[in-house]
Amino acid sequence: MADRPAGPQDEFPHAVGRPARGALRQAGYTRLAQLTEVTSQEVLALHGVGPRAIVVLREALAAQGRSFNGE
């Protein structure tokens, strides 16, 4: 089994789920602030990201006074 890097690989809430977190990282997103540059529909189009992940991400962004682009 390969060693995993120490520390978090992203700052998304754990409630987002592993498939969605992996899809976001694969697309180059590791911080919530980066999601303010894209629409929720663009994120939803990533394989592995479903409606529940969008709700959780939207809530996490709102808690920081942020939102997806265009919202």
N, C-alpha and C. Protein backbone atom coordinates (compact mmCIF):
# COMPACT_ATOMS: atom_id res chain seq x y z
N MET A 1 0.83 -1.18 0.00
CA MET A 1 0.00 0.00 0.00
C MET A 1 0.89 1.25 0.00
N ALA A 2 0.55 2.23 -0.81
CA ALA A 2 1.34 3.45 -0.93
C ALA A 2 1.15 4.33 0.29
N ASP A 3 2.20 5.04 0.65
CA ASP A 3 2.11 5.99 1.76
C ASP A 3 1.32 7.20 1.30
N ARG A 4 0.48 7.70 2.19
CA ARG A 4 -0.30 8.91 1.89
C ARG A 4 0.42 10.10 2.50
N PRO A 5 0.32 11.24 1.85
CA PRO A 5 0.95 12.43 2.41
C PRO A 5 0.29 12.82 3.73
N ALA A 6 1.10 13.36 4.62
CA ALA A 6 0.58 13.79 5.92
C ALA A 6 -0.26 15.04 5.74
N GLY A 7 -1.27 15.20 6.58
CA GLY A 7 -2.09 16.40 6.56
C GLY A 7 -3.21 16.32 5.56
N PRO A 8 -4.15 17.25 5.65
CA PRO A 8 -5.30 17.25 4.74
C PRO A 8 -4.88 17.56 3.31
N GLN A 9 -5.56 16.94 2.36
CA GLN A 9 -5.28 17.18 0.95
C GLN A 9 -6.17 18.29 0.39
N ASP A 10 -7.19 18.65 1.13
CA ASP A 10 -8.08 19.74 0.72
C ASP A 10 -8.76 20.29 1.96
N GLU A 11 -9.49 21.38 1.79
CA GLU A 11 -10.18 21.98 2.93
C GLU A 11 -11.69 21.84 2.84
N PHE A 12 -12.17 20.88 2.06
CA PHE A 12 -13.61 20.69 1.92
C PHE A 12 -14.16 19.93 3.13
N PRO A 13 -15.39 20.22 3.52
CA PRO A 13 -16.01 19.49 4.64
C PRO A 13 -16.07 18.00 4.35
N HIS A 14 -15.88 17.20 5.37
CA HIS A 14 -15.92 15.74 5.18
C HIS A 14 -17.28 15.27 4.70
N ALA A 15 -18.32 16.02 4.98
CA ALA A 15 -19.67 15.66 4.54
C ALA A 15 -19.80 15.67 3.02
N VAL A 16 -18.85 16.26 2.32
CA VAL A 16 -18.89 16.28 0.87
C VAL A 16 -18.79 14.86 0.32
N GLY A 17 -18.07 14.00 0.98
CA GLY A 17 -17.94 12.62 0.54
C GLY A 17 -16.68 12.39 -0.27
N ARG A 18 -16.19 11.18 -0.17
CA ARG A 18 -14.92 10.85 -0.81
C ARG A 18 -14.95 10.97 -2.34
N PRO A 19 -15.97 10.45 -3.03
CA PRO A 19 -15.96 10.58 -4.50
C PRO A 19 -15.94 12.04 -4.97
N ALA A 20 -16.72 12.88 -4.32
CA ALA A 20 -16.76 14.29 -4.70
C ALA A 20 -15.45 14.99 -4.37
N ARG A 21 -14.89 14.69 -3.20
CA ARG A 21 -13.61 15.29 -2.83
C ARG A 21 -12.53 14.92 -3.84
N GLY A 22 -12.53 13.65 -4.23
CA GLY A 22 -11.56 13.20 -5.23
C GLY A 22 -11.75 13.89 -6.57
N ALA A 23 -13.00 14.05 -6.97
CA ALA A 23 -13.30 14.73 -8.24
C ALA A 23 -12.85 16.19 -8.20
N LEU A 24 -13.09 16.83 -7.08
CA LEU A 24 -12.68 18.22 -6.94
C LEU A 24 -11.16 18.35 -7.00
N ARG A 25 -10.46 17.48 -6.28
CA ARG A 25 -8.99 17.51 -6.31
C ARG A 25 -8.47 17.22 -7.71
N GLN A 26 -9.08 16.24 -8.38
CA GLN A 26 -8.67 15.89 -9.74
C GLN A 26 -8.81 17.08 -10.68
N ALA A 27 -9.83 17.90 -10.46
CA ALA A 27 -10.07 19.09 -11.28
C ALA A 27 -9.19 20.27 -10.84
N GLY A 28 -8.42 20.09 -9.78
CA GLY A 28 -7.51 21.14 -9.34
C GLY A 28 -8.01 22.02 -8.22
N TYR A 29 -9.15 21.65 -7.63
CA TYR A 29 -9.71 22.44 -6.53
C TYR A 29 -9.32 21.80 -5.20
N THR A 30 -8.74 22.60 -4.33
CA THR A 30 -8.38 22.11 -2.99
C THR A 30 -8.86 23.05 -1.89
N ARG A 31 -9.33 24.24 -2.28
CA ARG A 31 -9.79 25.23 -1.30
C ARG A 31 -11.19 25.71 -1.66
N LEU A 32 -11.98 25.98 -0.66
CA LEU A 32 -13.34 26.50 -0.89
C LEU A 32 -13.30 27.79 -1.70
N ALA A 33 -12.35 28.64 -1.42
CA ALA A 33 -12.27 29.93 -2.12
C ALA A 33 -12.18 29.76 -3.64
N GLN A 34 -11.59 28.67 -4.09
CA GLN A 34 -11.47 28.43 -5.53
C GLN A 34 -12.84 28.21 -6.17
N LEU A 35 -13.79 27.73 -5.40
CA LEU A 35 -15.12 27.43 -5.94
C LEU A 35 -15.93 28.68 -6.21
N THR A 36 -15.47 29.84 -5.73
CA THR A 36 -16.17 31.08 -6.02
C THR A 36 -15.95 31.51 -7.47
N GLU A 37 -15.01 30.87 -8.14
CA GLU A 37 -14.68 31.21 -9.52
C GLU A 37 -15.46 30.38 -10.53
N VAL A 38 -16.21 29.38 -10.06
CA VAL A 38 -16.97 28.50 -10.95
C VAL A 38 -18.42 28.43 -10.49
N THR A 39 -19.30 28.03 -11.39
CA THR A 39 -20.70 27.88 -11.02
C THR A 39 -20.94 26.52 -10.38
N SER A 40 -22.02 26.41 -9.66
CA SER A 40 -22.37 25.13 -9.05
C SER A 40 -22.63 24.09 -10.14
N GLN A 41 -23.14 24.51 -11.29
CA GLN A 41 -23.39 23.58 -12.39
C GLN A 41 -22.09 23.03 -12.96
N GLU A 42 -21.06 23.85 -13.00
CA GLU A 42 -19.75 23.37 -13.46
C GLU A 42 -19.19 22.32 -12.50
N VAL A 43 -19.35 22.55 -11.22
CA VAL A 43 -18.87 21.59 -10.22
C VAL A 43 -19.72 20.32 -10.27
N LEU A 44 -21.01 20.48 -10.42
CA LEU A 44 -21.92 19.34 -10.50
C LEU A 44 -21.60 18.46 -11.71
N ALA A 45 -21.06 19.04 -12.76
CA ALA A 45 -20.72 18.28 -13.96
C ALA A 45 -19.51 17.37 -13.77
N LEU A 46 -18.75 17.57 -12.69
CA LEU A 46 -17.59 16.71 -12.43
C LEU A 46 -18.06 15.32 -12.04
N HIS A 47 -17.47 14.31 -12.63
CA HIS A 47 -17.85 12.93 -12.31
C HIS A 47 -17.51 12.65 -10.85
N GLY A 48 -18.52 12.28 -10.08
CA GLY A 48 -18.33 12.00 -8.66
C GLY A 48 -18.98 13.05 -7.76
N VAL A 49 -19.35 14.18 -8.33
CA VAL A 49 -19.99 15.24 -7.56
C VAL A 49 -21.50 15.18 -7.81
N GLY A 50 -22.25 15.02 -6.73
CA GLY A 50 -23.70 14.95 -6.85
C GLY A 50 -24.37 16.12 -6.17
N PRO A 51 -25.69 16.15 -6.23
CA PRO A 51 -26.46 17.26 -5.65
C PRO A 51 -26.19 17.46 -4.15
N ARG A 52 -26.02 16.39 -3.41
CA ARG A 52 -25.75 16.51 -1.96
C ARG A 52 -24.44 17.24 -1.72
N ALA A 53 -23.41 16.92 -2.50
CA ALA A 53 -22.12 17.60 -2.35
C ALA A 53 -22.26 19.09 -2.63
N ILE A 54 -23.07 19.44 -3.62
CA ILE A 54 -23.28 20.86 -3.94
C ILE A 54 -23.94 21.58 -2.77
N VAL A 55 -24.91 20.94 -2.13
CA VAL A 55 -25.58 21.54 -0.97
C VAL A 55 -24.57 21.78 0.15
N VAL A 56 -23.74 20.78 0.43
CA VAL A 56 -22.75 20.90 1.51
C VAL A 56 -21.74 21.99 1.17
N LEU A 57 -21.27 22.01 -0.07
CA LEU A 57 -20.31 23.04 -0.48
C LEU A 57 -20.92 24.44 -0.44
N ARG A 58 -22.17 24.55 -0.87
CA ARG A 58 -22.87 25.84 -0.83
C ARG A 58 -22.97 26.34 0.61
N GLU A 59 -23.31 25.45 1.54
CA GLU A 59 -23.42 25.82 2.95
C GLU A 59 -22.06 26.22 3.51
N ALA A 60 -21.00 25.49 3.14
CA ALA A 60 -19.66 25.81 3.63
C ALA A 60 -19.20 27.16 3.08
N LEU A 61 -19.50 27.42 1.82
CA LEU A 61 -19.16 28.72 1.24
C LEU A 61 -19.93 29.84 1.95
N ALA A 62 -21.21 29.64 2.17
CA ALA A 62 -22.05 30.65 2.82
C ALA A 62 -21.54 30.96 4.23
N ALA A 63 -21.05 29.94 4.92
CA ALA A 63 -20.52 30.15 6.27
C ALA A 63 -19.31 31.08 6.26
N GLN A 64 -18.65 31.16 5.10
CA GLN A 64 -17.49 32.06 4.94
C GLN A 64 -17.88 33.36 4.24
N GLY A 65 -19.19 33.55 4.01
CA GLY A 65 -19.64 34.75 3.32
C GLY A 65 -19.36 34.71 1.83
N ARG A 66 -19.27 33.50 1.28
CA ARG A 66 -18.95 33.33 -0.13
C ARG A 66 -20.04 32.53 -0.82
N SER A 67 -19.93 32.40 -2.14
CA SER A 67 -20.87 31.59 -2.90
C SER A 67 -20.22 31.15 -4.21
N PHE A 68 -20.86 30.19 -4.86
CA PHE A 68 -20.42 29.82 -6.20
C PHE A 68 -20.58 31.05 -7.09
N ASN A 69 -19.84 31.09 -8.18
CA ASN A 69 -19.92 32.19 -9.13
C ASN A 69 -21.35 32.33 -9.64
N GLY A 70 -21.87 33.53 -9.62
CA GLY A 70 -23.21 33.79 -10.14
C GLY A 70 -24.34 33.57 -9.17
N GLU A 71 -24.03 33.20 -7.94
CA GLU A 71 -25.11 32.97 -6.96
C GLU A 71 -25.15 34.11 -5.95
